[in-house]
Amino acid sequence: MFLSSLLYPLMPWAILALRIALAAIFFVHGPPKIQKSKEMAGDMGMTPGMVTLVGFLETLGAVSVLLGLFTQIGALALVVVMIGAIYCKSQKWHVPFSKMGAMGWEFDLIILCSAFTLATIGAGPLSVDWQILGGY
């Protein structure tokens, strides 16, 4: 109870930190898919057009989440991307959840949960959405 009352005032900053971290991840991964879709398509088992689409969803989702503008829509786009990523890794490519010395899909799961959190709670008070919508 005491800790909650102490930390609750930091909630806007916590949501902003989550938005910045999530956007940073997708800014690193989205643009290369747009720029090098043909090269990445074979590795991903997708068509170049599909890789480009995923790259646009990641990049636009990152912009949306970072600015806090249409955050829930942008975060939902990232949720869809991450569900697809987890499906591909776990079912198509048979990547384990976690493995020493290799990247499993545990990182993808935490990104999915972060995007889902933003999709459900919104961008918080430190966002364009909050200013436009007046408090949500």
Protein backbone atom coordinates (compact mmCIF):
# COMPACT_ATOMS: atom_id res chain seq x y z
CA MET A 1 0.00 0.00 0.00
CA PHE A 2 2.73 2.44 0.98
CA LEU A 3 4.84 1.60 -2.06
CA SER A 4 1.85 2.02 -4.39
CA SER A 5 1.08 5.47 -3.05
CA LEU A 6 4.75 6.38 -3.35
CA LEU A 7 5.17 5.14 -6.93
CA TYR A 8 1.76 6.02 -8.40
CA PRO A 9 2.74 9.64 -9.16
CA LEU A 10 5.50 8.25 -11.41
CA MET A 11 2.93 6.44 -13.61
CA PRO A 12 3.05 9.00 -16.46
CA TRP A 13 6.84 8.66 -16.60
CA ALA A 14 6.65 4.86 -16.47
CA ILE A 15 4.29 4.78 -19.45
CA LEU A 16 6.52 7.24 -21.31
CA ALA A 17 9.57 5.05 -20.60
CA LEU A 18 7.68 2.02 -21.94
CA ARG A 19 6.69 3.94 -25.06
CA ILE A 20 10.27 5.11 -25.70
CA ALA A 21 11.74 1.63 -25.21
CA LEU A 22 9.15 -0.02 -27.45
CA ALA A 23 9.56 2.62 -30.17
CA ALA A 24 13.36 2.28 -30.07
CA ILE A 25 13.13 -1.47 -30.67
CA PHE A 26 10.87 -1.05 -33.68
CA PHE A 27 12.88 1.87 -35.10
CA VAL A 28 15.84 -0.52 -35.24
CA HIS A 29 13.88 -3.36 -36.87
CA GLY A 30 11.28 -1.66 -39.10
CA PRO A 31 13.23 0.53 -41.57
CA PRO A 32 15.64 -2.25 -42.66
CA LYS A 33 12.64 -4.37 -43.66
CA ILE A 34 11.45 -1.53 -45.89
CA GLN A 35 14.89 -0.81 -47.36
CA LYS A 36 16.06 -4.41 -47.82
CA SER A 37 12.82 -6.34 -48.23
CA LYS A 38 14.10 -8.48 -51.11
CA GLU A 39 17.20 -9.56 -49.20
CA MET A 40 15.27 -10.26 -46.00
CA ALA A 41 12.34 -12.06 -47.64
CA GLY A 42 14.21 -15.32 -48.23
CA ASP A 43 15.51 -15.46 -44.68
CA MET A 44 12.07 -14.78 -43.25
CA GLY A 45 10.18 -17.11 -45.59
CA MET A 46 7.95 -14.27 -46.79
CA THR A 47 7.42 -12.34 -49.99
CA PRO A 48 9.23 -8.99 -50.34
CA GLY A 49 5.85 -7.25 -50.29
CA MET A 50 4.95 -8.88 -46.97
CA VAL A 51 8.32 -7.93 -45.47
CA THR A 52 7.77 -4.34 -46.63
CA LEU A 53 4.31 -4.32 -45.06
CA VAL A 54 5.69 -5.60 -41.76
CA GLY A 55 8.43 -2.96 -41.93
CA PHE A 56 5.85 -0.20 -42.43
CA LEU A 57 3.70 -1.49 -39.56
CA GLU A 58 6.75 -1.59 -37.30
CA THR A 59 7.97 1.87 -38.31
CA LEU A 60 4.58 3.60 -38.21
CA GLY A 61 3.74 1.81 -34.96
CA ALA A 62 7.01 3.06 -33.49
CA VAL A 63 6.26 6.66 -34.52
CA SER A 64 2.74 6.41 -33.11
CA VAL A 65 3.89 4.93 -29.80
CA LEU A 66 6.80 7.34 -29.39
CA LEU A 67 4.74 10.46 -30.02
CA GLY A 68 1.74 9.17 -28.15
CA LEU A 69 -0.39 9.92 -31.21
CA PHE A 70 -3.04 7.31 -32.06
CA THR A 71 -1.08 5.17 -29.62
CA GLN A 72 -3.63 2.42 -29.16
CA ILE A 73 -3.91 1.90 -32.92
CA GLY A 74 -0.13 1.92 -33.35
CA ALA A 75 0.31 -0.45 -30.42
CA LEU A 76 -2.31 -2.82 -31.86
CA ALA A 77 -0.36 -2.89 -35.13
CA LEU A 78 2.72 -3.89 -33.12
CA VAL A 79 0.69 -6.56 -31.30
CA VAL A 80 -0.27 -8.08 -34.67
CA VAL A 81 3.36 -7.98 -35.84
CA MET A 82 4.57 -9.65 -32.66
CA ILE A 83 1.91 -12.37 -32.77
CA GLY A 84 3.14 -13.09 -36.30
CA ALA A 85 6.77 -13.07 -35.17
CA ILE A 86 6.11 -15.46 -32.31
CA TYR A 87 4.10 -17.74 -34.60
CA CYS A 88 6.91 -17.81 -37.20
CA LYS A 89 9.62 -18.39 -34.63
CA SER A 90 7.82 -21.05 -32.63
CA GLN A 91 5.86 -22.90 -35.35
CA LYS A 92 7.61 -22.35 -38.70
CA TRP A 93 11.24 -21.98 -37.68
CA HIS A 94 11.03 -24.11 -34.49
CA VAL A 95 12.99 -21.62 -32.40
CA PRO A 96 12.80 -22.54 -28.71
CA PHE A 97 11.43 -20.14 -26.11
CA SER A 98 14.89 -19.77 -24.61
CA LYS A 99 18.24 -21.31 -25.40
CA MET A 100 21.72 -20.59 -24.09
CA GLY A 101 23.76 -18.68 -26.64
CA ALA A 102 20.82 -18.13 -29.00
CA MET A 103 17.89 -15.75 -29.22
CA GLY A 104 14.63 -17.52 -28.47
CA TRP A 105 11.22 -15.93 -28.68
CA GLU A 106 11.12 -14.81 -25.05
CA PHE A 107 12.18 -11.31 -26.16
CA ASP A 108 9.29 -11.27 -28.64
CA LEU A 109 6.86 -12.22 -25.88
CA ILE A 110 7.85 -9.30 -23.65
CA ILE A 111 7.56 -6.93 -26.63
CA LEU A 112 4.10 -8.36 -27.38
CA CYS A 113 3.04 -7.81 -23.75
CA SER A 114 4.43 -4.26 -23.76
CA ALA A 115 2.54 -3.39 -26.94
CA PHE A 116 -0.62 -5.00 -25.57
CA THR A 117 -0.29 -2.95 -22.39
CA LEU A 118 -0.10 0.29 -24.37
CA ALA A 119 -3.00 -0.82 -26.56
CA THR A 120 -5.16 -1.30 -23.48
CA ILE A 121 -4.13 1.59 -21.21
CA GLY A 122 -3.23 4.20 -23.83
CA ALA A 123 -0.29 6.58 -23.96
CA GLY A 124 -0.73 8.27 -20.59
CA PRO A 125 -0.67 11.96 -19.69
CA LEU A 126 2.67 12.70 -21.39
CA SER A 127 1.32 12.24 -24.91
CA VAL A 128 -0.35 13.96 -27.83
CA ASP A 129 -3.35 11.63 -27.38
CA TRP A 130 -3.87 12.92 -23.86
CA GLN A 131 -3.83 16.52 -25.06
CA ILE A 132 -6.22 15.84 -27.96
CA LEU A 133 -8.63 13.54 -26.13
CA GLY A 134 -8.49 15.43 -22.87
CA GLY A 135 -7.43 12.77 -20.47
CA TYR A 136 -7.44 9.29 -21.96
